[in-house]
Amino acid sequence: RLFWDAKNKYNEKASSGVYIYCIEAISGNDRAKEWSKLS
């Protein structure tokens, strides 16, 4: 599990709304990526 405190890179709270995220895993020469959304 990867924790997100609902803040942006400036440590400000993210606004209400829908966001999309891309999560990528890299192991040696192997890569995998998936997309999803959150509110």
ModelCIF file with pLDDT and N, C-alpha, C, O atoms, coordinates in Angstrom:
data_MODEL
#
_entry.id   MODEL 
#
_entity.id                         1 
_entity.type                       polymer 
_entity.pdbx_number_of_molecules   1 
#
_entity_poly.entity_id                      1 
_entity_poly.type                           'polypeptide(L)' 
_entity_poly.nstd_linkage                   no 
_entity_poly.nstd_monomer                   no 
_entity_poly.pdbx_seq_one_letter_code       RLFWDAKNKYNEKASSGVYIYCIEAISGNDRAKEWSKLS 
_entity_poly.pdbx_seq_one_letter_code_can   RLFWDAKNKYNEKASSGVYIYCIEAISGNDRAKEWSKLS 
_entity_poly.pdbx_strand_id                 A 
#
loop_
_entity_poly_seq.entity_id 
_entity_poly_seq.num 
_entity_poly_seq.mon_id 
_entity_poly_seq.hetero 
1 1  ARG n 
1 2  LEU n 
1 3  PHE n 
1 4  TRP n 
1 5  ASP n 
1 6  ALA n 
1 7  LYS n 
1 8  ASN n 
1 9  LYS n 
1 10 TYR n 
1 11 ASN n 
1 12 GLU n 
1 13 LYS n 
1 14 ALA n 
1 15 SER n 
1 16 SER n 
1 17 GLY n 
1 18 VAL n 
1 19 TYR n 
1 20 ILE n 
1 21 TYR n 
1 22 CYS n 
1 23 ILE n 
1 24 GLU n 
1 25 ALA n 
1 26 ILE n 
1 27 SER n 
1 28 GLY n 
1 29 ASN n 
1 30 ASP n 
1 31 ARG n 
1 32 ALA n 
1 33 LYS n 
1 34 GLU n 
1 35 TRP n 
1 36 SER n 
1 37 LYS n 
1 38 LEU n 
1 39 SER n 
#
_struct_asym.id          A 
_struct_asym.entity_id   1 
#
loop_
_ma_qa_metric.id 
_ma_qa_metric.mode 
_ma_qa_metric.name 
_ma_qa_metric.software_group_id 
_ma_qa_metric.type 
1 global pLDDT . pLDDT 
2 local  pLDDT . pLDDT 
#
_ma_qa_metric_global.metric_id      1 
_ma_qa_metric_global.metric_value   97.44 
_ma_qa_metric_global.model_id       1 
_ma_qa_metric_global.ordinal_id     1 
#
loop_
_ma_qa_metric_local.label_asym_id 
_ma_qa_metric_local.label_comp_id 
_ma_qa_metric_local.label_seq_id 
_ma_qa_metric_local.metric_id 
_ma_qa_metric_local.metric_value 
_ma_qa_metric_local.model_id 
_ma_qa_metric_local.ordinal_id 
A ARG 1  2 98.00 1 1  
A LEU 2  2 98.00 1 2  
A PHE 3  2 98.00 1 3  
A TRP 4  2 98.00 1 4  
A ASP 5  2 98.00 1 5  
A ALA 6  2 98.00 1 6  
A LYS 7  2 98.00 1 7  
A ASN 8  2 97.00 1 8  
A LYS 9  2 96.00 1 9  
A TYR 10 2 97.00 1 10 
A ASN 11 2 98.00 1 11 
A GLU 12 2 97.00 1 12 
A LYS 13 2 97.00 1 13 
A ALA 14 2 97.00 1 14 
A SER 15 2 96.00 1 15 
A SER 16 2 97.00 1 16 
A GLY 17 2 97.00 1 17 
A VAL 18 2 98.00 1 18 
A TYR 19 2 98.00 1 19 
A ILE 20 2 98.00 1 20 
A TYR 21 2 98.00 1 21 
A CYS 22 2 98.00 1 22 
A ILE 23 2 98.00 1 23 
A GLU 24 2 98.00 1 24 
A ALA 25 2 98.00 1 25 
A ILE 26 2 98.00 1 26 
A SER 27 2 97.00 1 27 
A GLY 28 2 94.00 1 28 
A ASN 29 2 95.00 1 29 
A ASP 30 2 97.00 1 30 
A ARG 31 2 97.00 1 31 
A ALA 32 2 98.00 1 32 
A LYS 33 2 98.00 1 33 
A GLU 34 2 98.00 1 34 
A TRP 35 2 98.00 1 35 
A SER 36 2 98.00 1 36 
A LYS 37 2 98.00 1 37 
A LEU 38 2 97.00 1 38 
A SER 39 2 98.00 1 39 
#
loop_
_atom_site.group_PDB 
_atom_site.id 
_atom_site.type_symbol 
_atom_site.label_atom_id 
_atom_site.label_alt_id 
_atom_site.label_comp_id 
_atom_site.label_asym_id 
_atom_site.label_entity_id 
_atom_site.label_seq_id 
_atom_site.pdbx_PDB_ins_code 
_atom_site.Cartn_x 
_atom_site.Cartn_y 
_atom_site.Cartn_z 
_atom_site.occupancy 
_atom_site.B_iso_or_equiv 
_atom_site.pdbx_formal_charge 
_atom_site.auth_seq_id 
_atom_site.auth_comp_id 
_atom_site.auth_asym_id 
_atom_site.auth_atom_id 
_atom_site.pdbx_PDB_model_num 
ATOM 1   N N  . ARG A 1 1  ? 0.848   -1.183 0.000   1.00 98.00 ? 1  ARG A N  1 
ATOM 2   C CA . ARG A 1 1  ? 0.000   0.000  0.000   1.00 98.00 ? 1  ARG A CA 1 
ATOM 3   C C  . ARG A 1 1  ? 0.888   1.238  0.000   1.00 98.00 ? 1  ARG A C  1 
ATOM 4   O O  . ARG A 1 1  ? 1.908   1.297  0.686   1.00 98.00 ? 1  ARG A O  1 
ATOM 5   N N  . LEU A 1 2  ? 0.473   2.215  -0.781  1.00 98.00 ? 2  LEU A N  1 
ATOM 6   C CA . LEU A 1 2  ? 1.185   3.475  -0.930  1.00 98.00 ? 2  LEU A CA 1 
ATOM 7   C C  . LEU A 1 2  ? 0.302   4.570  -0.354  1.00 98.00 ? 2  LEU A C  1 
ATOM 8   O O  . LEU A 1 2  ? -0.844  4.731  -0.774  1.00 98.00 ? 2  LEU A O  1 
ATOM 9   N N  . PHE A 1 3  ? 0.825   5.320  0.599   1.00 98.00 ? 3  PHE A N  1 
ATOM 10  C CA . PHE A 1 3  ? 0.059   6.336  1.314   1.00 98.00 ? 3  PHE A CA 1 
ATOM 11  C C  . PHE A 1 3  ? 0.098   7.672  0.579   1.00 98.00 ? 3  PHE A C  1 
ATOM 12  O O  . PHE A 1 3  ? 1.155   8.101  0.118   1.00 98.00 ? 3  PHE A O  1 
ATOM 13  N N  . TRP A 1 4  ? -1.056  8.329  0.471   1.00 98.00 ? 4  TRP A N  1 
ATOM 14  C CA . TRP A 1 4  ? -1.123  9.711  -0.022  1.00 98.00 ? 4  TRP A CA 1 
ATOM 15  C C  . TRP A 1 4  ? -1.930  10.525 0.979   1.00 98.00 ? 4  TRP A C  1 
ATOM 16  O O  . TRP A 1 4  ? -3.046  10.156 1.343   1.00 98.00 ? 4  TRP A O  1 
ATOM 17  N N  . ASP A 1 5  ? -1.345  11.647 1.423   1.00 98.00 ? 5  ASP A N  1 
ATOM 18  C CA . ASP A 1 5  ? -1.989  12.494 2.430   1.00 98.00 ? 5  ASP A CA 1 
ATOM 19  C C  . ASP A 1 5  ? -2.907  13.550 1.823   1.00 98.00 ? 5  ASP A C  1 
ATOM 20  O O  . ASP A 1 5  ? -3.289  14.498 2.509   1.00 98.00 ? 5  ASP A O  1 
ATOM 21  N N  . ALA A 1 6  ? -3.263  13.403 0.561   1.00 98.00 ? 6  ALA A N  1 
ATOM 22  C CA . ALA A 1 6  ? -4.178  14.305 -0.157  1.00 98.00 ? 6  ALA A CA 1 
ATOM 23  C C  . ALA A 1 6  ? -3.629  15.727 -0.238  1.00 98.00 ? 6  ALA A C  1 
ATOM 24  O O  . ALA A 1 6  ? -4.384  16.699 -0.228  1.00 98.00 ? 6  ALA A O  1 
ATOM 25  N N  . LYS A 1 7  ? -2.293  15.832 -0.318  1.00 98.00 ? 7  LYS A N  1 
ATOM 26  C CA . LYS A 1 7  ? -1.650  17.134 -0.484  1.00 98.00 ? 7  LYS A CA 1 
ATOM 27  C C  . LYS A 1 7  ? -0.848  17.133 -1.776  1.00 98.00 ? 7  LYS A C  1 
ATOM 28  O O  . LYS A 1 7  ? -0.440  16.083 -2.272  1.00 98.00 ? 7  LYS A O  1 
ATOM 29  N N  . ASN A 1 8  ? -0.631  18.331 -2.314  1.00 97.00 ? 8  ASN A N  1 
ATOM 30  C CA . ASN A 1 8  ? 0.154   18.448 -3.539  1.00 97.00 ? 8  ASN A CA 1 
ATOM 31  C C  . ASN A 1 8  ? 1.636   18.596 -3.214  1.00 97.00 ? 8  ASN A C  1 
ATOM 32  O O  . ASN A 1 8  ? 2.033   18.522 -2.051  1.00 97.00 ? 8  ASN A O  1 
ATOM 33  N N  . LYS A 1 9  ? 2.455   18.806 -4.249  1.00 96.00 ? 9  LYS A N  1 
ATOM 34  C CA . LYS A 1 9  ? 3.904   18.900 -4.047  1.00 96.00 ? 9  LYS A CA 1 
ATOM 35  C C  . LYS A 1 9  ? 4.320   20.138 -3.267  1.00 96.00 ? 9  LYS A C  1 
ATOM 36  O O  . LYS A 1 9  ? 5.471   20.244 -2.842  1.00 96.00 ? 9  LYS A O  1 
ATOM 37  N N  . TYR A 1 10 ? 3.390   21.084 -3.074  1.00 97.00 ? 10 TYR A N  1 
ATOM 38  C CA . TYR A 1 10 ? 3.669   22.280 -2.266  1.00 97.00 ? 10 TYR A CA 1 
ATOM 39  C C  . TYR A 1 10 ? 3.135   22.129 -0.836  1.00 97.00 ? 10 TYR A C  1 
ATOM 40  O O  . TYR A 1 10 ? 3.102   23.093 -0.071  1.00 97.00 ? 10 TYR A O  1 
ATOM 41  N N  . ASN A 1 11 ? 2.718   20.908 -0.488  1.00 98.00 ? 11 ASN A N  1 
ATOM 42  C CA . ASN A 1 11 ? 2.173   20.573 0.828   1.00 98.00 ? 11 ASN A CA 1 
ATOM 43  C C  . ASN A 1 11 ? 0.845   21.278 1.107   1.00 98.00 ? 11 ASN A C  1 
ATOM 44  O O  . ASN A 1 11 ? 0.496   21.518 2.263   1.00 98.00 ? 11 ASN A O  1 
ATOM 45  N N  . GLU A 1 12 ? 0.106   21.608 0.044   1.00 97.00 ? 12 GLU A N  1 
ATOM 46  C CA . GLU A 1 12 ? -1.224  22.206 0.168   1.00 97.00 ? 12 GLU A CA 1 
ATOM 47  C C  . GLU A 1 12 ? -2.264  21.116 -0.058  1.00 97.00 ? 12 GLU A C  1 
ATOM 48  O O  . GLU A 1 12 ? -2.051  20.196 -0.848  1.00 97.00 ? 12 GLU A O  1 
ATOM 49  N N  . LYS A 1 13 ? -3.400  21.227 0.647   1.00 97.00 ? 13 LYS A N  1 
ATOM 50  C CA . LYS A 1 13 ? -4.460  20.243 0.484   1.00 97.00 ? 13 LYS A CA 1 
ATOM 51  C C  . LYS A 1 13 ? -4.995  20.259 -0.942  1.00 97.00 ? 13 LYS A C  1 
ATOM 52  O O  . LYS A 1 13 ? -5.242  21.321 -1.514  1.00 97.00 ? 13 LYS A O  1 
ATOM 53  N N  . ALA A 1 14 ? -5.169  19.077 -1.502  1.00 97.00 ? 14 ALA A N  1 
ATOM 54  C CA . ALA A 1 14 ? -5.770  18.969 -2.834  1.00 97.00 ? 14 ALA A CA 1 
ATOM 55  C C  . ALA A 1 14 ? -7.230  19.393 -2.749  1.00 97.00 ? 14 ALA A C  1 
ATOM 56  O O  . ALA A 1 14 ? -7.921  19.087 -1.777  1.00 97.00 ? 14 ALA A O  1 
ATOM 57  N N  . SER A 1 15 ? -7.686  20.092 -3.763  1.00 96.00 ? 15 SER A N  1 
ATOM 58  C CA . SER A 1 15 ? -9.073  20.550 -3.814  1.00 96.00 ? 15 SER A CA 1 
ATOM 59  C C  . SER A 1 15 ? -10.023 19.386 -4.021  1.00 96.00 ? 15 SER A C  1 
ATOM 60  O O  . SER A 1 15 ? -9.626  18.326 -4.505  1.00 96.00 ? 15 SER A O  1 
ATOM 61  N N  . SER A 1 16 ? -11.277 19.588 -3.653  1.00 97.00 ? 16 SER A N  1 
ATOM 62  C CA . SER A 1 16 ? -12.297 18.590 -3.958  1.00 97.00 ? 16 SER A CA 1 
ATOM 63  C C  . SER A 1 16 ? -12.362 18.382 -5.463  1.00 97.00 ? 16 SER A C  1 
ATOM 64  O O  . SER A 1 16 ? -12.234 19.332 -6.235  1.00 97.00 ? 16 SER A O  1 
ATOM 65  N N  . GLY A 1 17 ? -12.560 17.144 -5.872  1.00 97.00 ? 17 GLY A N  1 
ATOM 66  C CA . GLY A 1 17 ? -12.682 16.853 -7.287  1.00 97.00 ? 17 GLY A CA 1 
ATOM 67  C C  . GLY A 1 17 ? -12.203 15.460 -7.622  1.00 97.00 ? 17 GLY A C  1 
ATOM 68  O O  . GLY A 1 17 ? -11.829 14.681 -6.744  1.00 97.00 ? 17 GLY A O  1 
ATOM 69  N N  . VAL A 1 18 ? -12.222 15.159 -8.910  1.00 98.00 ? 18 VAL A N  1 
ATOM 70  C CA . VAL A 1 18 ? -11.788 13.866 -9.415  1.00 98.00 ? 18 VAL A CA 1 
ATOM 71  C C  . VAL A 1 18 ? -10.354 14.007 -9.924  1.00 98.00 ? 18 VAL A C  1 
ATOM 72  O O  . VAL A 1 18 ? -10.012 14.982 -10.593 1.00 98.00 ? 18 VAL A O  1 
ATOM 73  N N  . TYR A 1 19 ? -9.533  13.031 -9.600  1.00 98.00 ? 19 TYR A N  1 
ATOM 74  C CA . TYR A 1 19 ? -8.134  12.997 -10.020 1.00 98.00 ? 19 TYR A CA 1 
ATOM 75  C C  . TYR A 1 19 ? -7.877  11.666 -10.710 1.00 98.00 ? 19 TYR A C  1 
ATOM 76  O O  . TYR A 1 19 ? -8.553  10.672 -10.444 1.00 98.00 ? 19 TYR A O  1 
ATOM 77  N N  . ILE A 1 20 ? -6.897  11.660 -11.593 1.00 98.00 ? 20 ILE A N  1 
ATOM 78  C CA . ILE A 1 20 ? -6.458  10.404 -12.188 1.00 98.00 ? 20 ILE A CA 1 
ATOM 79  C C  . ILE A 1 20 ? -5.038  10.132 -11.692 1.00 98.00 ? 20 ILE A C  1 
ATOM 80  O O  . ILE A 1 20 ? -4.281  11.058 -11.398 1.00 98.00 ? 20 ILE A O  1 
ATOM 81  N N  . TYR A 1 21 ? -4.697  8.868  -11.607 1.00 98.00 ? 21 TYR A N  1 
ATOM 82  C CA . TYR A 1 21 ? -3.330  8.547  -11.200 1.00 98.00 ? 21 TYR A CA 1 
ATOM 83  C C  . TYR A 1 21 ? -2.793  7.390  -12.026 1.00 98.00 ? 21 TYR A C  1 
ATOM 84  O O  . TYR A 1 21 ? -3.517  6.501  -12.472 1.00 98.00 ? 21 TYR A O  1 
ATOM 85  N N  . CYS A 1 22 ? -1.481  7.456  -12.201 1.00 98.00 ? 22 CYS A N  1 
ATOM 86  C CA . CYS A 1 22 ? -0.740  6.415  -12.900 1.00 98.00 ? 22 CYS A CA 1 
ATOM 87  C C  . CYS A 1 22 ? 0.244   5.833  -11.894 1.00 98.00 ? 22 CYS A C  1 
ATOM 88  O O  . CYS A 1 22 ? 1.008   6.565  -11.265 1.00 98.00 ? 22 CYS A O  1 
ATOM 89  N N  . ILE A 1 23 ? 0.220   4.526  -11.751 1.00 98.00 ? 23 ILE A N  1 
ATOM 90  C CA . ILE A 1 23 ? 1.170   3.874  -10.849 1.00 98.00 ? 23 ILE A CA 1 
ATOM 91  C C  . ILE A 1 23 ? 2.004   2.913  -11.692 1.00 98.00 ? 23 ILE A C  1 
ATOM 92  O O  . ILE A 1 23 ? 1.476   2.113  -12.465 1.00 98.00 ? 23 ILE A O  1 
ATOM 93  N N  . GLU A 1 24 ? 3.325   3.014  -11.520 1.00 98.00 ? 24 GLU A N  1 
ATOM 94  C CA . GLU A 1 24 ? 4.260   2.236  -12.324 1.00 98.00 ? 24 GLU A CA 1 
ATOM 95  C C  . GLU A 1 24 ? 5.202   1.474  -11.403 1.00 98.00 ? 24 GLU A C  1 
ATOM 96  O O  . GLU A 1 24 ? 5.665   2.001  -10.391 1.00 98.00 ? 24 GLU A O  1 
ATOM 97  N N  . ALA A 1 25 ? 5.476   0.234  -11.766 1.00 98.00 ? 25 ALA A N  1 
ATOM 98  C CA . ALA A 1 25 ? 6.412   -0.603 -11.018 1.00 98.00 ? 25 ALA A CA 1 
ATOM 99  C C  . ALA A 1 25 ? 7.562   -0.990 -11.941 1.00 98.00 ? 25 ALA A C  1 
ATOM 100 O O  . ALA A 1 25 ? 7.345   -1.397 -13.083 1.00 98.00 ? 25 ALA A O  1 
ATOM 101 N N  . ILE A 1 26 ? 8.797   -0.857 -11.431 1.00 98.00 ? 26 ILE A N  1 
ATOM 102 C CA . ILE A 1 26 ? 9.986   -1.161 -12.213 1.00 98.00 ? 26 ILE A CA 1 
ATOM 103 C C  . ILE A 1 26 ? 10.836  -2.154 -11.427 1.00 98.00 ? 26 ILE A C  1 
ATOM 104 O O  . ILE A 1 26 ? 11.232  -1.887 -10.292 1.00 98.00 ? 26 ILE A O  1 
ATOM 105 N N  . SER A 1 27 ? 11.109  -3.299 -12.043 1.00 97.00 ? 27 SER A N  1 
ATOM 106 C CA . SER A 1 27 ? 11.918  -4.340 -11.417 1.00 97.00 ? 27 SER A CA 1 
ATOM 107 C C  . SER A 1 27 ? 12.907  -4.847 -12.462 1.00 97.00 ? 27 SER A C  1 
ATOM 108 O O  . SER A 1 27 ? 12.537  -5.589 -13.371 1.00 97.00 ? 27 SER A O  1 
ATOM 109 N N  . GLY A 1 28 ? 14.173  -4.438 -12.323 1.00 94.00 ? 28 GLY A N  1 
ATOM 110 C CA . GLY A 1 28 ? 15.165  -4.807 -13.329 1.00 94.00 ? 28 GLY A CA 1 
ATOM 111 C C  . GLY A 1 28 ? 14.785  -4.200 -14.666 1.00 94.00 ? 28 GLY A C  1 
ATOM 112 O O  . GLY A 1 28 ? 14.590  -2.989 -14.769 1.00 94.00 ? 28 GLY A O  1 
ATOM 113 N N  . ASN A 1 29 ? 14.678  -5.039 -15.696 1.00 95.00 ? 29 ASN A N  1 
ATOM 114 C CA . ASN A 1 29 ? 14.282  -4.577 -17.027 1.00 95.00 ? 29 ASN A CA 1 
ATOM 115 C C  . ASN A 1 29 ? 12.775  -4.620 -17.244 1.00 95.00 ? 29 ASN A C  1 
ATOM 116 O O  . ASN A 1 29 ? 12.296  -4.258 -18.318 1.00 95.00 ? 29 ASN A O  1 
ATOM 117 N N  . ASP A 1 30 ? 12.026  -5.056 -16.241 1.00 97.00 ? 30 ASP A N  1 
ATOM 118 C CA . ASP A 1 30 ? 10.569  -5.176 -16.366 1.00 97.00 ? 30 ASP A CA 1 
ATOM 119 C C  . ASP A 1 30 ? 9.873   -3.930 -15.830 1.00 97.00 ? 30 ASP A C  1 
ATOM 120 O O  . ASP A 1 30 ? 10.244  -3.382 -14.791 1.00 97.00 ? 30 ASP A O  1 
ATOM 121 N N  . ARG A 1 31 ? 8.850   -3.498 -16.574 1.00 97.00 ? 31 ARG A N  1 
ATOM 122 C CA . ARG A 1 31 ? 8.040   -2.350 -16.162 1.00 97.00 ? 31 ARG A CA 1 
ATOM 123 C C  . ARG A 1 31 ? 6.569   -2.691 -16.374 1.00 97.00 ? 31 ARG A C  1 
ATOM 124 O O  . ARG A 1 31 ? 6.203   -3.399 -17.312 1.00 97.00 ? 31 ARG A O  1 
ATOM 125 N N  . ALA A 1 32 ? 5.746   -2.176 -15.486 1.00 98.00 ? 32 ALA A N  1 
ATOM 126 C CA . ALA A 1 32 ? 4.303   -2.323 -15.643 1.00 98.00 ? 32 ALA A CA 1 
ATOM 127 C C  . ALA A 1 32 ? 3.661   -1.043 -15.139 1.00 98.00 ? 32 ALA A C  1 
ATOM 128 O O  . ALA A 1 32 ? 4.158   -0.418 -14.202 1.00 98.00 ? 32 ALA A O  1 
ATOM 129 N N  . LYS A 1 33 ? 2.554   -0.654 -15.763 1.00 98.00 ? 33 LYS A N  1 
ATOM 130 C CA . LYS A 1 33 ? 1.906   0.615  -15.439 1.00 98.00 ? 33 LYS A CA 1 
ATOM 131 C C  . LYS A 1 33 ? 0.402   0.435  -15.524 1.00 98.00 ? 33 LYS A C  1 
ATOM 132 O O  . LYS A 1 33 ? -0.107  -0.249 -16.412 1.00 98.00 ? 33 LYS A O  1 
ATOM 133 N N  . GLU A 1 34 ? -0.305  1.062  -14.583 1.00 98.00 ? 34 GLU A N  1 
ATOM 134 C CA . GLU A 1 34 ? -1.764  1.052  -14.624 1.00 98.00 ? 34 GLU A CA 1 
ATOM 135 C C  . GLU A 1 34 ? -2.281  2.433  -14.244 1.00 98.00 ? 34 GLU A C  1 
ATOM 136 O O  . GLU A 1 34 ? -1.616  3.193  -13.539 1.00 98.00 ? 34 GLU A O  1 
ATOM 137 N N  . TRP A 1 35 ? -3.481  2.739  -14.726 1.00 98.00 ? 35 TRP A N  1 
ATOM 138 C CA . TRP A 1 35 ? -4.144  4.021  -14.459 1.00 98.00 ? 35 TRP A CA 1 
ATOM 139 C C  . TRP A 1 35 ? -5.446  3.776  -13.714 1.00 98.00 ? 35 TRP A C  1 
ATOM 140 O O  . TRP A 1 35 ? -6.095  2.744  -13.885 1.00 98.00 ? 35 TRP A O  1 
ATOM 141 N N  . SER A 1 36 ? -5.819  4.755  -12.873 1.00 98.00 ? 36 SER A N  1 
ATOM 142 C CA . SER A 1 36 ? -7.116  4.694  -12.201 1.00 98.00 ? 36 SER A CA 1 
ATOM 143 C C  . SER A 1 36 ? -7.516  6.114  -11.809 1.00 98.00 ? 36 SER A C  1 
ATOM 144 O O  . SER A 1 36 ? -6.841  7.079  -12.166 1.00 98.00 ? 36 SER A O  1 
ATOM 145 N N  . LYS A 1 37 ? -8.606  6.230  -11.082 1.00 98.00 ? 37 LYS A N  1 
ATOM 146 C CA . LYS A 1 37 ? -9.072  7.548  -10.660 1.00 98.00 ? 37 LYS A CA 1 
ATOM 147 C C  . LYS A 1 37 ? -9.483  7.497  -9.199  1.00 98.00 ? 37 LYS A C  1 
ATOM 148 O O  . LYS A 1 37 ? -9.756  6.432  -8.646  1.00 98.00 ? 37 LYS A O  1 
ATOM 149 N N  . LEU A 1 38 ? -9.521  8.671  -8.590  1.00 97.00 ? 38 LEU A N  1 
ATOM 150 C CA . LEU A 1 38 ? -9.971  8.790  -7.211  1.00 97.00 ? 38 LEU A CA 1 
ATOM 151 C C  . LEU A 1 38 ? -10.664 10.134 -7.041  1.00 97.00 ? 38 LEU A C  1 
ATOM 152 O O  . LEU A 1 38 ? -10.512 11.034 -7.867  1.00 97.00 ? 38 LEU A O  1 
ATOM 153 N N  . SER A 1 39 ? -11.417 10.257 -5.971  1.00 98.00 ? 39 SER A N  1 
ATOM 154 C CA . SER A 1 39 ? -12.146 11.491 -5.693  1.00 98.00 ? 39 SER A CA 1 
ATOM 155 C C  . SER A 1 39 ? -11.774 12.036 -4.328  1.00 98.00 ? 39 SER A C  1 
ATOM 156 O O  . SER A 1 39 ? -12.289 13.076 -3.918  1.00 98.00 ? 39 SER A O  1 
#
